[in-house]
All heavy atoms as atom14 arrays in JSON, in Angstrom:
{
  "sequence": "SRDNPKNTVYLQMNSLKPDDTAVYYCAASAAHYSGSFYPDDR",
  "atom14_mask": [
    [1, 1, 1, 1, 1, 1, 0, 0, 0, 0, 0, 0, 0, 0],
    [1, 1, 1, 1, 1, 1, 1, 1, 1, 1, 1, 0, 0, 0],
    [1, 1, 1, 1, 1, 1, 1, 1, 0, 0, 0, 0, 0, 0],
    [1, 1, 1, 1, 1, 1, 1, 1, 0, 0, 0, 0, 0, 0],
    [1, 1, 1, 1, 1, 1, 1, 0, 0, 0, 0, 0, 0, 0],
    [1, 1, 1, 1, 1, 1, 1, 1, 1, 0, 0, 0, 0, 0],
    [1, 1, 1, 1, 1, 1, 1, 1, 0, 0, 0, 0, 0, 0],
    [1, 1, 1, 1, 1, 1, 1, 0, 0, 0, 0, 0, 0, 0],
    [1, 1, 1, 1, 1, 1, 1, 0, 0, 0, 0, 0, 0, 0],
    [1, 1, 1, 1, 1, 1, 1, 1, 1, 1, 1, 1, 0, 0],
    [1, 1, 1, 1, 1, 1, 1, 1, 0, 0, 0, 0, 0, 0],
    [1, 1, 1, 1, 1, 1, 1, 1, 1, 0, 0, 0, 0, 0],
    [1, 1, 1, 1, 1, 1, 1, 1, 0, 0, 0, 0, 0, 0],
    [1, 1, 1, 1, 1, 1, 1, 1, 0, 0, 0, 0, 0, 0],
    [1, 1, 1, 1, 1, 1, 0, 0, 0, 0, 0, 0, 0, 0],
    [1, 1, 1, 1, 1, 1, 1, 1, 0, 0, 0, 0, 0, 0],
    [1, 1, 1, 1, 1, 1, 1, 1, 1, 0, 0, 0, 0, 0],
    [1, 1, 1, 1, 1, 1, 1, 0, 0, 0, 0, 0, 0, 0],
    [1, 1, 1, 1, 1, 1, 1, 1, 0, 0, 0, 0, 0, 0],
    [1, 1, 1, 1, 1, 1, 1, 1, 0, 0, 0, 0, 0, 0],
    [1, 1, 1, 1, 1, 1, 1, 0, 0, 0, 0, 0, 0, 0],
    [1, 1, 1, 1, 1, 0, 0, 0, 0, 0, 0, 0, 0, 0],
    [1, 1, 1, 1, 1, 1, 1, 0, 0, 0, 0, 0, 0, 0],
    [1, 1, 1, 1, 1, 1, 1, 1, 1, 1, 1, 1, 0, 0],
    [1, 1, 1, 1, 1, 1, 1, 1, 1, 1, 1, 1, 0, 0],
    [1, 1, 1, 1, 1, 1, 0, 0, 0, 0, 0, 0, 0, 0],
    [1, 1, 1, 1, 1, 0, 0, 0, 0, 0, 0, 0, 0, 0],
    [1, 1, 1, 1, 1, 0, 0, 0, 0, 0, 0, 0, 0, 0],
    [1, 1, 1, 1, 1, 1, 0, 0, 0, 0, 0, 0, 0, 0],
    [1, 1, 1, 1, 1, 0, 0, 0, 0, 0, 0, 0, 0, 0],
    [1, 1, 1, 1, 1, 0, 0, 0, 0, 0, 0, 0, 0, 0],
    [1, 1, 1, 1, 1, 1, 1, 1, 1, 1, 0, 0, 0, 0],
    [1, 1, 1, 1, 1, 1, 1, 1, 1, 1, 1, 1, 0, 0],
    [1, 1, 1, 1, 1, 1, 0, 0, 0, 0, 0, 0, 0, 0],
    [1, 1, 1, 1, 0, 0, 0, 0, 0, 0, 0, 0, 0, 0],
    [1, 1, 1, 1, 1, 1, 0, 0, 0, 0, 0, 0, 0, 0],
    [1, 1, 1, 1, 1, 1, 1, 1, 1, 1, 1, 0, 0, 0],
    [1, 1, 1, 1, 1, 1, 1, 1, 1, 1, 1, 1, 0, 0],
    [1, 1, 1, 1, 1, 1, 1, 0, 0, 0, 0, 0, 0, 0],
    [1, 1, 1, 1, 1, 1, 1, 1, 0, 0, 0, 0, 0, 0],
    [1, 1, 1, 1, 1, 1, 1, 1, 0, 0, 0, 0, 0, 0],
    [1, 1, 1, 1, 1, 1, 1, 1, 1, 1, 1, 0, 0, 0]
  ],
  "atom14_positions": [
    [[-0.29, 17.3, 121.52], [-0.61, 17.14, 122.93], [0.44, 17.86, 123.76], [1.5, 18.25, 123.25], [-0.7, 15.66, 123.31], [0.53, 15.0, 123.09], [0.0, 0.0, 0.0], [0.0, 0.0, 0.0], [0.0, 0.0, 0.0], [0.0, 0.0, 0.0], [0.0, 0.0, 0.0], [0.0, 0.0, 0.0], [0.0, 0.0, 0.0], [0.0, 0.0, 0.0]],
    [[0.15, 18.05, 125.04], [1.12, 18.69, 125.91], [1.07, 18.09, 127.3], [0.04, 17.57, 127.74], [0.9, 20.21, 125.96], [-0.38, 20.65, 126.64], [-0.63, 22.15, 126.41], [0.39, 22.97, 127.03], [0.6, 24.25, 126.74], [-0.15, 24.85, 125.82], [1.55, 24.94, 127.36], [0.0, 0.0, 0.0], [0.0, 0.0, 0.0], [0.0, 0.0, 0.0]],
    [[2.19, 18.17, 127.99], [2.31, 17.72, 129.37], [2.89, 18.89, 130.15], [4.1, 19.09, 130.17], [3.22, 16.49, 129.44], [3.24, 15.86, 130.82], [2.9, 16.54, 131.81], [3.6, 14.67, 130.92], [0.0, 0.0, 0.0], [0.0, 0.0, 0.0], [0.0, 0.0, 0.0], [0.0, 0.0, 0.0], [0.0, 0.0, 0.0], [0.0, 0.0, 0.0]],
    [[2.01, 19.67, 130.75], [2.47, 20.9, 131.41], [3.46, 20.66, 132.55], [4.42, 21.41, 132.7], [1.28, 21.73, 131.87], [0.61, 22.47, 130.73], [1.16, 22.55, 129.63], [-0.56, 23.03, 130.98], [0.0, 0.0, 0.0], [0.0, 0.0, 0.0], [0.0, 0.0, 0.0], [0.0, 0.0, 0.0], [0.0, 0.0, 0.0], [0.0, 0.0, 0.0]],
    [[3.25, 19.64, 133.4], [4.25, 19.4, 134.45], [5.64, 19.1, 133.91], [6.63, 19.35, 134.6], [3.68, 18.2, 135.22], [2.21, 18.3, 135.01], [2.06, 18.8, 133.6], [0.0, 0.0, 0.0], [0.0, 0.0, 0.0], [0.0, 0.0, 0.0], [0.0, 0.0, 0.0], [0.0, 0.0, 0.0], [0.0, 0.0, 0.0], [0.0, 0.0, 0.0]],
    [[5.72, 18.57, 132.69], [7.01, 18.28, 132.06], [7.48, 19.39, 131.13], [8.54, 19.27, 130.52], [6.94, 16.96, 131.3], [6.74, 15.74, 132.17], [6.81, 14.47, 131.35], [6.6, 13.24, 132.23], [7.7, 13.09, 133.21], [0.0, 0.0, 0.0], [0.0, 0.0, 0.0], [0.0, 0.0, 0.0], [0.0, 0.0, 0.0], [0.0, 0.0, 0.0]],
    [[6.69, 20.45, 131.0], [7.02, 21.57, 130.11], [7.33, 21.09, 128.69], [8.3, 21.53, 128.06], [8.2, 22.37, 130.66], [7.84, 23.21, 131.87], [6.7, 23.23, 132.32], [8.82, 23.93, 132.4], [0.0, 0.0, 0.0], [0.0, 0.0, 0.0], [0.0, 0.0, 0.0], [0.0, 0.0, 0.0], [0.0, 0.0, 0.0], [0.0, 0.0, 0.0]],
    [[6.5, 20.2, 128.19], [6.76, 19.57, 126.9], [5.5, 19.51, 126.06], [4.42, 19.2, 126.56], [7.33, 18.15, 127.09], [8.53, 18.22, 127.88], [7.66, 17.52, 125.75], [0.0, 0.0, 0.0], [0.0, 0.0, 0.0], [0.0, 0.0, 0.0], [0.0, 0.0, 0.0], [0.0, 0.0, 0.0], [0.0, 0.0, 0.0], [0.0, 0.0, 0.0]],
    [[5.66, 19.8, 124.78], [4.59, 19.64, 123.8], [5.03, 18.59, 122.78], [6.22, 18.5, 122.46], [4.22, 20.98, 123.13], [5.4, 21.54, 122.34], [2.99, 20.82, 122.24], [0.0, 0.0, 0.0], [0.0, 0.0, 0.0], [0.0, 0.0, 0.0], [0.0, 0.0, 0.0], [0.0, 0.0, 0.0], [0.0, 0.0, 0.0], [0.0, 0.0, 0.0]],
    [[4.07, 17.81, 122.28], [4.37, 16.71, 121.38], [3.61, 16.85, 120.07], [2.55, 17.47, 120.01], [3.98, 15.37, 122.01], [4.6, 15.11, 123.36], [3.93, 15.42, 124.53], [5.87, 14.55, 123.46], [4.49, 15.19, 125.77], [6.44, 14.32, 124.69], [5.76, 14.63, 125.84], [6.32, 14.4, 127.08], [0.0, 0.0, 0.0], [0.0, 0.0, 0.0]],
    [[4.15, 16.25, 119.04], [3.46, 16.13, 117.76], [3.61, 14.7, 117.27], [4.7, 14.28, 116.88], [4.01, 17.1, 116.72], [3.28, 17.1, 115.38], [1.89, 17.73, 115.53], [4.08, 17.83, 114.31], [0.0, 0.0, 0.0], [0.0, 0.0, 0.0], [0.0, 0.0, 0.0], [0.0, 0.0, 0.0], [0.0, 0.0, 0.0], [0.0, 0.0, 0.0]],
    [[2.52, 13.94, 117.31], [2.5, 12.59, 116.78], [2.11, 12.64, 115.32], [1.08, 13.22, 114.97], [1.5, 11.73, 117.55], [1.36, 10.3, 117.04], [2.58, 9.46, 117.29], [3.14, 9.49, 118.38], [3.0, 8.7, 116.29], [0.0, 0.0, 0.0], [0.0, 0.0, 0.0], [0.0, 0.0, 0.0], [0.0, 0.0, 0.0], [0.0, 0.0, 0.0]],
    [[2.92, 12.06, 114.45], [2.68, 12.07, 113.02], [2.62, 10.63, 112.51], [3.54, 9.85, 112.72], [3.76, 12.84, 112.28], [3.89, 14.29, 112.73], [4.98, 15.25, 111.66], [6.56, 14.47, 112.0], [0.0, 0.0, 0.0], [0.0, 0.0, 0.0], [0.0, 0.0, 0.0], [0.0, 0.0, 0.0], [0.0, 0.0, 0.0], [0.0, 0.0, 0.0]],
    [[1.54, 10.31, 111.82], [1.32, 8.98, 111.28], [1.13, 9.05, 109.77], [0.87, 10.11, 109.21], [0.09, 8.33, 111.92], [0.19, 8.21, 113.42], [1.24, 7.9, 113.97], [-0.93, 8.46, 114.1], [0.0, 0.0, 0.0], [0.0, 0.0, 0.0], [0.0, 0.0, 0.0], [0.0, 0.0, 0.0], [0.0, 0.0, 0.0], [0.0, 0.0, 0.0]],
    [[1.24, 7.9, 109.13], [1.04, 7.8, 107.68], [1.84, 8.86, 106.93], [1.33, 9.57, 106.07], [-0.45, 7.92, 107.34], [-1.21, 6.91, 107.98], [0.0, 0.0, 0.0], [0.0, 0.0, 0.0], [0.0, 0.0, 0.0], [0.0, 0.0, 0.0], [0.0, 0.0, 0.0], [0.0, 0.0, 0.0], [0.0, 0.0, 0.0], [0.0, 0.0, 0.0]],
    [[3.09, 8.95, 107.27], [3.95, 10.0, 106.71], [4.15, 9.82, 105.22], [4.22, 8.7, 104.71], [5.29, 10.02, 107.43], [5.23, 10.61, 108.84], [6.48, 10.26, 109.62], [5.06, 12.12, 108.77], [0.0, 0.0, 0.0], [0.0, 0.0, 0.0], [0.0, 0.0, 0.0], [0.0, 0.0, 0.0], [0.0, 0.0, 0.0], [0.0, 0.0, 0.0]],
    [[4.24, 10.95, 104.53], [4.42, 11.0, 103.09], [5.71, 11.74, 102.77], [6.19, 12.54, 103.57], [3.25, 11.74, 102.44], [1.88, 11.17, 102.78], [0.78, 12.05, 102.23], [-0.59, 11.52, 102.58], [-1.67, 12.39, 102.06], [0.0, 0.0, 0.0], [0.0, 0.0, 0.0], [0.0, 0.0, 0.0], [0.0, 0.0, 0.0], [0.0, 0.0, 0.0]],
    [[6.29, 11.49, 101.59], [7.51, 12.21, 101.22], [7.36, 13.73, 101.28], [8.33, 14.42, 101.62], [7.77, 11.73, 99.79], [7.22, 10.34, 99.78], [5.97, 10.42, 100.62], [0.0, 0.0, 0.0], [0.0, 0.0, 0.0], [0.0, 0.0, 0.0], [0.0, 0.0, 0.0], [0.0, 0.0, 0.0], [0.0, 0.0, 0.0], [0.0, 0.0, 0.0]],
    [[6.18, 14.26, 100.98], [6.01, 15.71, 101.03], [5.85, 16.24, 102.45], [5.66, 17.44, 102.63], [4.85, 16.17, 100.13], [3.51, 15.57, 100.47], [3.42, 14.8, 101.45], [2.54, 15.88, 99.75], [0.0, 0.0, 0.0], [0.0, 0.0, 0.0], [0.0, 0.0, 0.0], [0.0, 0.0, 0.0], [0.0, 0.0, 0.0], [0.0, 0.0, 0.0]],
    [[5.92, 15.37, 103.45], [6.01, 15.81, 104.83], [7.45, 16.16, 105.21], [7.69, 16.66, 106.31], [5.5, 14.73, 105.79], [4.01, 14.51, 105.68], [3.26, 15.5, 105.51], [3.58, 13.34, 105.77], [0.0, 0.0, 0.0], [0.0, 0.0, 0.0], [0.0, 0.0, 0.0], [0.0, 0.0, 0.0], [0.0, 0.0, 0.0], [0.0, 0.0, 0.0]],
    [[8.39, 15.89, 104.32], [9.78, 16.21, 104.57], [9.94, 17.72, 104.77], [9.57, 18.51, 103.91], [10.66, 15.75, 103.41], [10.6, 14.31, 103.32], [12.1, 16.17, 103.61], [0.0, 0.0, 0.0], [0.0, 0.0, 0.0], [0.0, 0.0, 0.0], [0.0, 0.0, 0.0], [0.0, 0.0, 0.0], [0.0, 0.0, 0.0], [0.0, 0.0, 0.0]],
    [[10.49, 18.1, 105.92], [10.62, 19.51, 106.26], [11.36, 19.62, 107.59], [11.56, 18.63, 108.29], [9.25, 20.18, 106.38], [0.0, 0.0, 0.0], [0.0, 0.0, 0.0], [0.0, 0.0, 0.0], [0.0, 0.0, 0.0], [0.0, 0.0, 0.0], [0.0, 0.0, 0.0], [0.0, 0.0, 0.0], [0.0, 0.0, 0.0], [0.0, 0.0, 0.0]],
    [[11.73, 20.85, 107.92], [12.18, 21.16, 109.27], [10.95, 21.55, 110.08], [10.18, 22.42, 109.66], [13.22, 22.28, 109.28], [13.61, 22.64, 110.72], [14.44, 21.88, 108.48], [0.0, 0.0, 0.0], [0.0, 0.0, 0.0], [0.0, 0.0, 0.0], [0.0, 0.0, 0.0], [0.0, 0.0, 0.0], [0.0, 0.0, 0.0], [0.0, 0.0, 0.0]],
    [[10.76, 20.92, 111.21], [9.6, 21.16, 112.06], [10.0, 22.01, 113.26], [10.98, 21.69, 113.96], [8.99, 19.84, 112.52], [8.22, 19.14, 111.43], [8.87, 18.55, 110.36], [6.82, 19.09, 111.46], [8.18, 17.93, 109.34], [6.11, 18.47, 110.45], [6.8, 17.88, 109.39], [6.08, 17.27, 108.39], [0.0, 0.0, 0.0], [0.0, 0.0, 0.0]],
    [[9.25, 23.07, 113.49], [9.52, 24.02, 114.56], [8.38, 24.05, 115.56], [7.21, 24.02, 115.17], [9.68, 25.44, 114.01], [10.79, 25.62, 113.01], [10.57, 25.42, 111.66], [12.06, 26.02, 113.43], [11.58, 25.59, 110.73], [13.07, 26.2, 112.5], [12.83, 25.99, 111.17], [13.84, 26.18, 110.25], [0.0, 0.0, 0.0], [0.0, 0.0, 0.0]],
    [[8.7, 24.14, 116.84], [7.68, 24.43, 117.82], [7.76, 25.9, 118.22], [8.81, 26.54, 118.08], [7.78, 23.52, 119.05], [9.23, 23.76, 120.08], [0.0, 0.0, 0.0], [0.0, 0.0, 0.0], [0.0, 0.0, 0.0], [0.0, 0.0, 0.0], [0.0, 0.0, 0.0], [0.0, 0.0, 0.0], [0.0, 0.0, 0.0], [0.0, 0.0, 0.0]],
    [[6.65, 26.44, 118.68], [6.57, 27.85, 119.01], [5.6, 28.06, 120.16], [4.67, 27.27, 120.35], [6.13, 28.67, 117.79], [0.0, 0.0, 0.0], [0.0, 0.0, 0.0], [0.0, 0.0, 0.0], [0.0, 0.0, 0.0], [0.0, 0.0, 0.0], [0.0, 0.0, 0.0], [0.0, 0.0, 0.0], [0.0, 0.0, 0.0], [0.0, 0.0, 0.0]],
    [[5.81, 29.14, 120.91], [5.0, 29.47, 122.08], [4.3, 30.81, 121.86], [4.91, 31.76, 121.38], [5.86, 29.52, 123.33], [0.0, 0.0, 0.0], [0.0, 0.0, 0.0], [0.0, 0.0, 0.0], [0.0, 0.0, 0.0], [0.0, 0.0, 0.0], [0.0, 0.0, 0.0], [0.0, 0.0, 0.0], [0.0, 0.0, 0.0], [0.0, 0.0, 0.0]],
    [[3.02, 30.87, 122.24], [2.22, 32.07, 122.03], [1.52, 32.52, 123.3], [0.86, 31.72, 123.96], [1.17, 31.82, 120.94], [0.29, 32.92, 120.83], [0.0, 0.0, 0.0], [0.0, 0.0, 0.0], [0.0, 0.0, 0.0], [0.0, 0.0, 0.0], [0.0, 0.0, 0.0], [0.0, 0.0, 0.0], [0.0, 0.0, 0.0], [0.0, 0.0, 0.0]],
    [[1.64, 33.81, 123.61], [0.9, 34.41, 124.72], [-0.4, 35.06, 124.26], [-1.13, 35.61, 125.07], [1.76, 35.46, 125.43], [0.0, 0.0, 0.0], [0.0, 0.0, 0.0], [0.0, 0.0, 0.0], [0.0, 0.0, 0.0], [0.0, 0.0, 0.0], [0.0, 0.0, 0.0], [0.0, 0.0, 0.0], [0.0, 0.0, 0.0], [0.0, 0.0, 0.0]],
    [[-0.74, 34.96, 122.98], [-1.86, 35.67, 122.4], [-3.22, 35.16, 122.87], [-4.21, 35.87, 122.76], [-1.8, 35.62, 120.88], [0.0, 0.0, 0.0], [0.0, 0.0, 0.0], [0.0, 0.0, 0.0], [0.0, 0.0, 0.0], [0.0, 0.0, 0.0], [0.0, 0.0, 0.0], [0.0, 0.0, 0.0], [0.0, 0.0, 0.0], [0.0, 0.0, 0.0]],
    [[-3.29, 33.94, 123.37], [-4.56, 33.37, 123.78], [-5.21, 34.13, 124.94], [-6.4, 33.99, 125.17], [-4.41, 31.9, 124.14], [-5.49, 31.03, 123.57], [-5.28, 29.73, 123.19], [-6.79, 31.29, 123.34], [-6.41, 29.22, 122.75], [-7.35, 30.14, 122.82], [0.0, 0.0, 0.0], [0.0, 0.0, 0.0], [0.0, 0.0, 0.0], [0.0, 0.0, 0.0]],
    [[-4.42, 34.9, 125.65], [-4.98, 35.71, 126.74], [-6.05, 36.68, 126.26], [-6.94, 37.05, 127.02], [-3.87, 36.49, 127.44], [-3.02, 35.68, 128.38], [-1.7, 35.38, 128.08], [-3.54, 35.24, 129.59], [-0.91, 34.65, 128.96], [-2.76, 34.5, 130.48], [-1.45, 34.21, 130.15], [-0.67, 33.49, 131.03], [0.0, 0.0, 0.0], [0.0, 0.0, 0.0]],
    [[-5.99, 37.09, 125.0], [-6.94, 38.04, 124.45], [-8.31, 37.44, 124.21], [-9.28, 38.16, 124.03], [-6.4, 38.63, 123.14], [-6.38, 37.64, 122.13], [0.0, 0.0, 0.0], [0.0, 0.0, 0.0], [0.0, 0.0, 0.0], [0.0, 0.0, 0.0], [0.0, 0.0, 0.0], [0.0, 0.0, 0.0], [0.0, 0.0, 0.0], [0.0, 0.0, 0.0]],
    [[-8.41, 36.13, 124.19], [-9.65, 35.45, 123.88], [-9.86, 35.24, 122.4], [-10.84, 34.59, 122.0], [0.0, 0.0, 0.0], [0.0, 0.0, 0.0], [0.0, 0.0, 0.0], [0.0, 0.0, 0.0], [0.0, 0.0, 0.0], [0.0, 0.0, 0.0], [0.0, 0.0, 0.0], [0.0, 0.0, 0.0], [0.0, 0.0, 0.0], [0.0, 0.0, 0.0]],
    [[-8.97, 35.77, 121.58], [-9.01, 35.58, 120.14], [-7.65, 35.1, 119.69], [-6.66, 35.84, 119.79], [-9.39, 36.88, 119.43], [-9.46, 36.71, 118.03], [0.0, 0.0, 0.0], [0.0, 0.0, 0.0], [0.0, 0.0, 0.0], [0.0, 0.0, 0.0], [0.0, 0.0, 0.0], [0.0, 0.0, 0.0], [0.0, 0.0, 0.0], [0.0, 0.0, 0.0]],
    [[-7.58, 33.88, 119.19], [-6.32, 33.25, 118.86], [-6.36, 32.77, 117.42], [-7.3, 32.08, 117.01], [-6.06, 32.08, 119.81], [-4.78, 31.34, 119.57], [-3.57, 32.0, 119.48], [-4.79, 29.96, 119.44], [-2.38, 31.31, 119.27], [-3.61, 29.25, 119.23], [-2.4, 29.94, 119.15], [0.0, 0.0, 0.0], [0.0, 0.0, 0.0], [0.0, 0.0, 0.0]],
    [[-5.34, 33.14, 116.65], [-5.21, 32.72, 115.26], [-4.0, 31.79, 115.18], [-2.86, 32.24, 114.97], [-5.05, 33.93, 114.35], [-6.24, 34.86, 114.43], [-6.25, 35.93, 115.31], [-7.36, 34.65, 113.63], [-7.35, 36.76, 115.4], [-8.46, 35.48, 113.71], [-8.45, 36.53, 114.6], [-9.53, 37.37, 114.69], [0.0, 0.0, 0.0], [0.0, 0.0, 0.0]],
    [[-4.21, 30.5, 115.35], [-3.08, 29.57, 115.52], [-2.19, 29.43, 114.31], [-1.04, 29.04, 114.46], [-3.78, 28.23, 115.84], [-5.15, 28.37, 115.25], [-5.51, 29.81, 115.43], [0.0, 0.0, 0.0], [0.0, 0.0, 0.0], [0.0, 0.0, 0.0], [0.0, 0.0, 0.0], [0.0, 0.0, 0.0], [0.0, 0.0, 0.0], [0.0, 0.0, 0.0]],
    [[-2.7, 29.74, 113.11], [-1.9, 29.61, 111.9], [-1.12, 30.88, 111.55], [-0.45, 30.91, 110.51], [-2.78, 29.2, 110.71], [-3.89, 30.19, 110.43], [-4.2, 31.02, 111.31], [-4.47, 30.12, 109.33], [0.0, 0.0, 0.0], [0.0, 0.0, 0.0], [0.0, 0.0, 0.0], [0.0, 0.0, 0.0], [0.0, 0.0, 0.0], [0.0, 0.0, 0.0]],
    [[-1.18, 31.89, 112.4], [-0.51, 33.16, 112.16], [0.81, 33.18, 112.91], [0.84, 33.16, 114.15], [-1.4, 34.31, 112.62], [-0.84, 35.68, 112.3], [0.31, 35.78, 111.83], [-1.55, 36.67, 112.55], [0.0, 0.0, 0.0], [0.0, 0.0, 0.0], [0.0, 0.0, 0.0], [0.0, 0.0, 0.0], [0.0, 0.0, 0.0], [0.0, 0.0, 0.0]],
    [[1.91, 33.23, 112.18], [3.23, 33.24, 112.82], [3.41, 34.4, 113.79], [4.16, 34.29, 114.77], [4.34, 33.3, 111.77], [4.52, 32.04, 110.96], [5.67, 32.21, 110.0], [6.93, 32.38, 110.7], [8.05, 32.82, 110.13], [8.06, 33.13, 108.85], [9.16, 32.91, 110.86], [0.0, 0.0, 0.0], [0.0, 0.0, 0.0], [0.0, 0.0, 0.0]]
  ]
}
């Protein structure tokens, strides 16, 4: 989810498993302006 007035994006994670252990990164993309967005592409 995101709160644009607060310039913040959130990730709620439930039912966590040991294999969820990782470093989590957030990222910003300007690519959506093209009308074609590949969200899983770094």
